[in-house]
Amino acid sequence: MPTVFIPPQMRELTGGAAEVQVRGRNVRQVIAALEARFPGLGDRLQHDDQVAPGLAFAIDGVISPR
């Protein structure tokens, strides 16, 4: 299960949690799971069905820019 690290400016949407675990096999599914659990977070993570500009993600420790 992926662990998602929440940036400080988005923690008001997660009740202050700095990291959460959600189900998902790819970035799109993880964002959908985050939105289902924390309404409004998905809108901050994506734009026009793409990862929002300026965000990066890491898979197995390898950081990938959008």
PDB file of N, CA and C in Angstrom:
ATOM      1  N   MET A   1       0.863  -1.175   0.000  1.00  0.00           N
ATOM      2  CA  MET A   1       0.000   0.000   0.000  1.00  0.00           C
ATOM      3  C   MET A   1       0.905   1.232   0.000  1.00  0.00           C
ATOM      4  N   PRO A   2       0.683   2.148  -0.938  1.00  0.00           N
ATOM      5  CA  PRO A   2       1.534   3.338  -1.018  1.00  0.00           C
ATOM      6  C   PRO A   2       1.405   4.247   0.214  1.00  0.00           C
ATOM      7  N   THR A   3       2.522   4.832   0.582  1.00  0.00           N
ATOM      8  CA  THR A   3       2.546   5.872   1.603  1.00  0.00           C
ATOM      9  C   THR A   3       2.682   7.201   0.878  1.00  0.00           C
ATOM     10  N   VAL A   4       1.800   8.137   1.199  1.00  0.00           N
ATOM     11  CA  VAL A   4       1.801   9.451   0.562  1.00  0.00           C
ATOM     12  C   VAL A   4       2.228  10.482   1.611  1.00  0.00           C
ATOM     13  N   PHE A   5       3.267  11.228   1.297  1.00  0.00           N
ATOM     14  CA  PHE A   5       3.731  12.284   2.182  1.00  0.00           C
ATOM     15  C   PHE A   5       3.013  13.572   1.788  1.00  0.00           C
ATOM     16  N   ILE A   6       2.347  14.180   2.751  1.00  0.00           N
ATOM     17  CA  ILE A   6       1.509  15.349   2.509  1.00  0.00           C
ATOM     18  C   ILE A   6       2.306  16.615   2.816  1.00  0.00           C
ATOM     19  N   PRO A   7       2.438  17.526   1.836  1.00  0.00           N
ATOM     20  CA  PRO A   7       3.149  18.776   2.107  1.00  0.00           C
ATOM     21  C   PRO A   7       2.414  19.616   3.153  1.00  0.00           C
ATOM     22  N   PRO A   8       3.140  20.391   3.926  1.00  0.00           N
ATOM     23  CA  PRO A   8       2.510  21.187   4.992  1.00  0.00           C
ATOM     24  C   PRO A   8       1.327  22.031   4.527  1.00  0.00           C
ATOM     25  N   GLN A   9       1.407  22.615   3.334  1.00  0.00           N
ATOM     26  CA  GLN A   9       0.337  23.492   2.864  1.00  0.00           C
ATOM     27  C   GLN A   9      -0.942  22.727   2.494  1.00  0.00           C
ATOM     28  N   MET A  10      -0.907  21.397   2.483  1.00  0.00           N
ATOM     29  CA  MET A  10      -2.099  20.602   2.165  1.00  0.00           C
ATOM     30  C   MET A  10      -2.627  19.815   3.362  1.00  0.00           C
ATOM     31  N   ARG A  11      -1.956  19.914   4.480  1.00  0.00           N
ATOM     32  CA  ARG A  11      -2.325  19.103   5.645  1.00  0.00           C
ATOM     33  C   ARG A  11      -3.650  19.497   6.277  1.00  0.00           C
ATOM     34  N   GLU A  12      -4.149  20.700   5.990  1.00  0.00           N
ATOM     35  CA  GLU A  12      -5.459  21.060   6.534  1.00  0.00           C
ATOM     36  C   GLU A  12      -6.533  20.145   5.952  1.00  0.00           C
ATOM     37  N   LEU A  13      -6.280  19.573   4.786  1.00  0.00           N
ATOM     38  CA  LEU A  13      -7.243  18.667   4.158  1.00  0.00           C
ATOM     39  C   LEU A  13      -7.153  17.241   4.706  1.00  0.00           C
ATOM     40  N   THR A  14      -6.054  16.920   5.378  1.00  0.00           N
ATOM     41  CA  THR A  14      -5.874  15.574   5.929  1.00  0.00           C
ATOM     42  C   THR A  14      -5.983  15.555   7.453  1.00  0.00           C
ATOM     43  N   GLY A  15      -6.534  16.612   8.017  1.00  0.00           N
ATOM     44  CA  GLY A  15      -6.642  16.674   9.476  1.00  0.00           C
ATOM     45  C   GLY A  15      -5.293  16.801  10.148  1.00  0.00           C
ATOM     46  N   GLY A  16      -4.306  17.332   9.415  1.00  0.00           N
ATOM     47  CA  GLY A  16      -2.975  17.540   9.979  1.00  0.00           C
ATOM     48  C   GLY A  16      -2.014  16.394   9.740  1.00  0.00           C
ATOM     49  N   ALA A  17      -2.479  15.302   9.136  1.00  0.00           N
ATOM     50  CA  ALA A  17      -1.608  14.153   8.907  1.00  0.00           C
ATOM     51  C   ALA A  17      -0.505  14.497   7.910  1.00  0.00           C
ATOM     52  N   ALA A  18       0.737  14.150   8.258  1.00  0.00           N
ATOM     53  CA  ALA A  18       1.881  14.402   7.394  1.00  0.00           C
ATOM     54  C   ALA A  18       2.079  13.283   6.385  1.00  0.00           C
ATOM     55  N   GLU A  19       1.559  12.110   6.672  1.00  0.00           N
ATOM     56  CA  GLU A  19       1.613  11.012   5.727  1.00  0.00           C
ATOM     57  C   GLU A  19       0.398  10.119   5.928  1.00  0.00           C
ATOM     58  N   VAL A  20      -0.067   9.548   4.836  1.00  0.00           N
ATOM     59  CA  VAL A  20      -1.230   8.659   4.873  1.00  0.00           C
ATOM     60  C   VAL A  20      -0.961   7.492   3.938  1.00  0.00           C
ATOM     61  N   GLN A  21      -1.674   6.416   4.148  1.00  0.00           N
ATOM     62  CA  GLN A  21      -1.593   5.263   3.261  1.00  0.00           C
ATOM     63  C   GLN A  21      -2.934   5.075   2.578  1.00  0.00           C
ATOM     64  N   VAL A  22      -2.891   4.868   1.285  1.00  0.00           N
ATOM     65  CA  VAL A  22      -4.095   4.610   0.497  1.00  0.00           C
ATOM     66  C   VAL A  22      -3.781   3.505  -0.511  1.00  0.00           C
ATOM     67  N   ARG A  23      -4.819   2.901  -1.031  1.00  0.00           N
ATOM     68  CA  ARG A  23      -4.628   1.867  -2.044  1.00  0.00           C
ATOM     69  C   ARG A  23      -4.495   2.503  -3.427  1.00  0.00           C
ATOM     70  N   GLY A  24      -3.747   1.846  -4.276  1.00  0.00           N
ATOM     71  CA  GLY A  24      -3.608   2.291  -5.656  1.00  0.00           C
ATOM     72  C   GLY A  24      -2.418   1.621  -6.299  1.00  0.00           C
ATOM     73  N   ARG A  25      -2.571   1.260  -7.562  1.00  0.00           N
ATOM     74  CA  ARG A  25      -1.494   0.594  -8.306  1.00  0.00           C
ATOM     75  C   ARG A  25      -0.732   1.567  -9.201  1.00  0.00           C
ATOM     76  N   ASN A  26      -1.263   2.781  -9.351  1.00  0.00           N
ATOM     77  CA  ASN A  26      -0.573   3.793 -10.141  1.00  0.00           C
ATOM     78  C   ASN A  26      -0.916   5.163  -9.563  1.00  0.00           C
ATOM     79  N   VAL A  27      -0.276   6.189 -10.078  1.00  0.00           N
ATOM     80  CA  VAL A  27      -0.451   7.540  -9.527  1.00  0.00           C
ATOM     81  C   VAL A  27      -1.909   7.982  -9.638  1.00  0.00           C
ATOM     82  N   ARG A  28      -2.541   7.710 -10.759  1.00  0.00           N
ATOM     83  CA  ARG A  28      -3.943   8.101 -10.958  1.00  0.00           C
ATOM     84  C   ARG A  28      -4.852   7.459  -9.894  1.00  0.00           C
ATOM     85  N   GLN A  29      -4.656   6.177  -9.611  1.00  0.00           N
ATOM     86  CA  GLN A  29      -5.470   5.495  -8.603  1.00  0.00           C
ATOM     87  C   GLN A  29      -5.192   6.029  -7.204  1.00  0.00           C
ATOM     88  N   VAL A  30      -3.943   6.359  -6.921  1.00  0.00           N
ATOM     89  CA  VAL A  30      -3.599   6.915  -5.607  1.00  0.00           C
ATOM     90  C   VAL A  30      -4.265   8.274  -5.422  1.00  0.00           C
ATOM     91  N   ILE A  31      -4.213   9.114  -6.450  1.00  0.00           N
ATOM     92  CA  ILE A  31      -4.871  10.424  -6.350  1.00  0.00           C
ATOM     93  C   ILE A  31      -6.373  10.250  -6.160  1.00  0.00           C
ATOM     94  N   ALA A  32      -6.989   9.313  -6.867  1.00  0.00           N
ATOM     95  CA  ALA A  32      -8.426   9.059  -6.711  1.00  0.00           C
ATOM     96  C   ALA A  32      -8.744   8.593  -5.295  1.00  0.00           C
ATOM     97  N   ALA A  33      -7.904   7.742  -4.732  1.00  0.00           N
ATOM     98  CA  ALA A  33      -8.118   7.263  -3.366  1.00  0.00           C
ATOM     99  C   ALA A  33      -7.953   8.395  -2.355  1.00  0.00           C
ATOM    100  N   LEU A  34      -6.977   9.269  -2.597  1.00  0.00           N
ATOM    101  CA  LEU A  34      -6.795  10.423  -1.718  1.00  0.00           C
ATOM    102  C   LEU A  34      -8.011  11.337  -1.774  1.00  0.00           C
ATOM    103  N   GLU A  35      -8.541  11.570  -2.969  1.00  0.00           N
ATOM    104  CA  GLU A  35      -9.718  12.423  -3.122  1.00  0.00           C
ATOM    105  C   GLU A  35     -10.925  11.809  -2.426  1.00  0.00           C
ATOM    106  N   ALA A  36     -11.089  10.503  -2.520  1.00  0.00           N
ATOM    107  CA  ALA A  36     -12.223   9.833  -1.870  1.00  0.00           C
ATOM    108  C   ALA A  36     -12.129   9.947  -0.345  1.00  0.00           C
ATOM    109  N   ARG A  37     -10.926   9.851   0.162  1.00  0.00           N
ATOM    110  CA  ARG A  37     -10.724   9.905   1.620  1.00  0.00           C
ATOM    111  C   ARG A  37     -10.657  11.331   2.154  1.00  0.00           C
ATOM    112  N   PHE A  38     -10.074  12.231   1.354  1.00  0.00           N
ATOM    113  CA  PHE A  38      -9.877  13.619   1.769  1.00  0.00           C
ATOM    114  C   PHE A  38     -10.399  14.539   0.663  1.00  0.00           C
ATOM    115  N   PRO A  39     -11.703  14.769   0.623  1.00  0.00           N
ATOM    116  CA  PRO A  39     -12.276  15.590  -0.453  1.00  0.00           C
ATOM    117  C   PRO A  39     -11.556  16.935  -0.593  1.00  0.00           C
ATOM    118  N   GLY A  40     -11.256  17.280  -1.836  1.00  0.00           N
ATOM    119  CA  GLY A  40     -10.555  18.518  -2.134  1.00  0.00           C
ATOM    120  C   GLY A  40      -9.074  18.323  -2.393  1.00  0.00           C
ATOM    121  N   LEU A  41      -8.505  17.247  -1.868  1.00  0.00           N
ATOM    122  CA  LEU A  41      -7.071  17.012  -2.047  1.00  0.00           C
ATOM    123  C   LEU A  41      -6.747  16.679  -3.501  1.00  0.00           C
ATOM    124  N   GLY A  42      -7.601  15.916  -4.150  1.00  0.00           N
ATOM    125  CA  GLY A  42      -7.368  15.566  -5.548  1.00  0.00           C
ATOM    126  C   GLY A  42      -7.284  16.790  -6.440  1.00  0.00           C
ATOM    127  N   ASP A  43      -8.117  17.782  -6.168  1.00  0.00           N
ATOM    128  CA  ASP A  43      -8.099  19.018  -6.959  1.00  0.00           C
ATOM    129  C   ASP A  43      -6.777  19.761  -6.826  1.00  0.00           C
ATOM    130  N   ARG A  44      -6.124  19.599  -5.699  1.00  0.00           N
ATOM    131  CA  ARG A  44      -4.842  20.275  -5.487  1.00  0.00           C
ATOM    132  C   ARG A  44      -3.678  19.488  -6.068  1.00  0.00           C
ATOM    133  N   LEU A  45      -3.911  18.206  -6.350  1.00  0.00           N
ATOM    134  CA  LEU A  45      -2.844  17.352  -6.856  1.00  0.00           C
ATOM    135  C   LEU A  45      -2.853  17.186  -8.369  1.00  0.00           C
ATOM    136  N   GLN A  46      -3.969  17.527  -8.997  1.00  0.00           N
ATOM    137  CA  GLN A  46      -4.030  17.365 -10.447  1.00  0.00           C
ATOM    138  C   GLN A  46      -4.683  18.567 -11.097  1.00  0.00           C
ATOM    139  N   HIS A  47      -4.356  18.748 -12.357  1.00  0.00           N
ATOM    140  CA  HIS A  47      -4.896  19.849 -13.153  1.00  0.00           C
ATOM    141  C   HIS A  47      -5.104  19.316 -14.562  1.00  0.00           C
ATOM    142  N   ASP A  48      -6.319  19.449 -15.078  1.00  0.00           N
ATOM    143  CA  ASP A  48      -6.645  18.922 -16.404  1.00  0.00           C
ATOM    144  C   ASP A  48      -6.273  17.445 -16.539  1.00  0.00           C
ATOM    145  N   ASP A  49      -6.591  16.670 -15.501  1.00  0.00           N
ATOM    146  CA  ASP A  49      -6.360  15.219 -15.476  1.00  0.00           C
ATOM    147  C   ASP A  49      -4.883  14.839 -15.538  1.00  0.00           C
ATOM    148  N   GLN A  50      -4.002  15.765 -15.171  1.00  0.00           N
ATOM    149  CA  GLN A  50      -2.564  15.515 -15.100  1.00  0.00           C
ATOM    150  C   GLN A  50      -2.080  15.930 -13.714  1.00  0.00           C
ATOM    151  N   VAL A  51      -0.928  15.397 -13.298  1.00  0.00           N
ATOM    152  CA  VAL A  51      -0.338  15.819 -12.026  1.00  0.00           C
ATOM    153  C   VAL A  51      -0.097  17.316 -12.105  1.00  0.00           C
ATOM    154  N   ALA A  52      -0.474  18.029 -11.055  1.00  0.00           N
ATOM    155  CA  ALA A  52      -0.363  19.487 -11.039  1.00  0.00           C
ATOM    156  C   ALA A  52       1.088  19.933 -11.245  1.00  0.00           C
ATOM    157  N   PRO A  53       1.258  21.046 -11.941  1.00  0.00           N
ATOM    158  CA  PRO A  53       2.609  21.586 -12.141  1.00  0.00           C
ATOM    159  C   PRO A  53       3.296  21.833 -10.803  1.00  0.00           C
ATOM    160  N   GLY A  54       4.573  21.534 -10.752  1.00  0.00           N
ATOM    161  CA  GLY A  54       5.354  21.775  -9.546  1.00  0.00           C
ATOM    162  C   GLY A  54       5.366  20.618  -8.569  1.00  0.00           C
ATOM    163  N   LEU A  55       4.540  19.599  -8.795  1.00  0.00           N
ATOM    164  CA  LEU A  55       4.532  18.437  -7.914  1.00  0.00           C
ATOM    165  C   LEU A  55       5.436  17.357  -8.470  1.00  0.00           C
ATOM    166  N   ALA A  56       5.990  16.571  -7.585  1.00  0.00           N
ATOM    167  CA  ALA A  56       6.805  15.425  -7.971  1.00  0.00           C
ATOM    168  C   ALA A  56       6.311  14.236  -7.166  1.00  0.00           C
ATOM    169  N   PHE A  57       6.643  13.053  -7.633  1.00  0.00           N
ATOM    170  CA  PHE A  57       6.292  11.862  -6.881  1.00  0.00           C
ATOM    171  C   PHE A  57       7.487  10.924  -6.893  1.00  0.00           C
ATOM    172  N   ALA A  58       7.528  10.037  -5.910  1.00  0.00           N
ATOM    173  CA  ALA A  58       8.618   9.073  -5.823  1.00  0.00           C
ATOM    174  C   ALA A  58       8.028   7.675  -5.784  1.00  0.00           C
ATOM    175  N   ILE A  59       8.616   6.799  -6.562  1.00  0.00           N
ATOM    176  CA  ILE A  59       8.220   5.403  -6.562  1.00  0.00           C
ATOM    177  C   ILE A  59       9.480   4.604  -6.270  1.00  0.00           C
ATOM    178  N   ASP A  60       9.430   3.838  -5.176  1.00  0.00           N
ATOM    179  CA  ASP A  60      10.586   3.061  -4.727  1.00  0.00           C
ATOM    180  C   ASP A  60      11.820   3.931  -4.558  1.00  0.00           C
ATOM    181  N   GLY A  61      11.604   5.148  -4.060  1.00  0.00           N
ATOM    182  CA  GLY A  61      12.709   6.040  -3.754  1.00  0.00           C
ATOM    183  C   GLY A  61      13.238   6.848  -4.935  1.00  0.00           C
ATOM    184  N   VAL A  62      12.702   6.627  -6.126  1.00  0.00           N
ATOM    185  CA  VAL A  62      13.133   7.380  -7.305  1.00  0.00           C
ATOM    186  C   VAL A  62      12.159   8.511  -7.538  1.00  0.00           C
ATOM    187  N   ILE A  63      12.637   9.749  -7.453  1.00  0.00           N
ATOM    188  CA  ILE A  63      11.791  10.916  -7.600  1.00  0.00           C
ATOM    189  C   ILE A  63      11.600  11.223  -9.085  1.00  0.00           C
ATOM    190  N   SER A  64      10.349  11.379  -9.475  1.00  0.00           N
ATOM    191  CA  SER A  64       9.997  11.711 -10.855  1.00  0.00           C
ATOM    192  C   SER A  64       9.230  13.015 -10.867  1.00  0.00           C
ATOM    193  N   PRO A  65       9.689  14.001 -11.617  1.00  0.00           N
ATOM    194  CA  PRO A  65       8.898  15.218 -11.755  1.00  0.00           C
ATOM    195  C   PRO A  65       7.668  14.904 -12.592  1.00  0.00           C
ATOM    196  N   ARG A  66       6.683  15.747 -12.518  1.00  0.00           N
ATOM    197  CA  ARG A  66       5.453  15.510 -13.277  1.00  0.00           C
ATOM    198  C   ARG A  66       5.797  15.342 -14.691  1.00  0.00           C
TER     199      ARG A  66
END
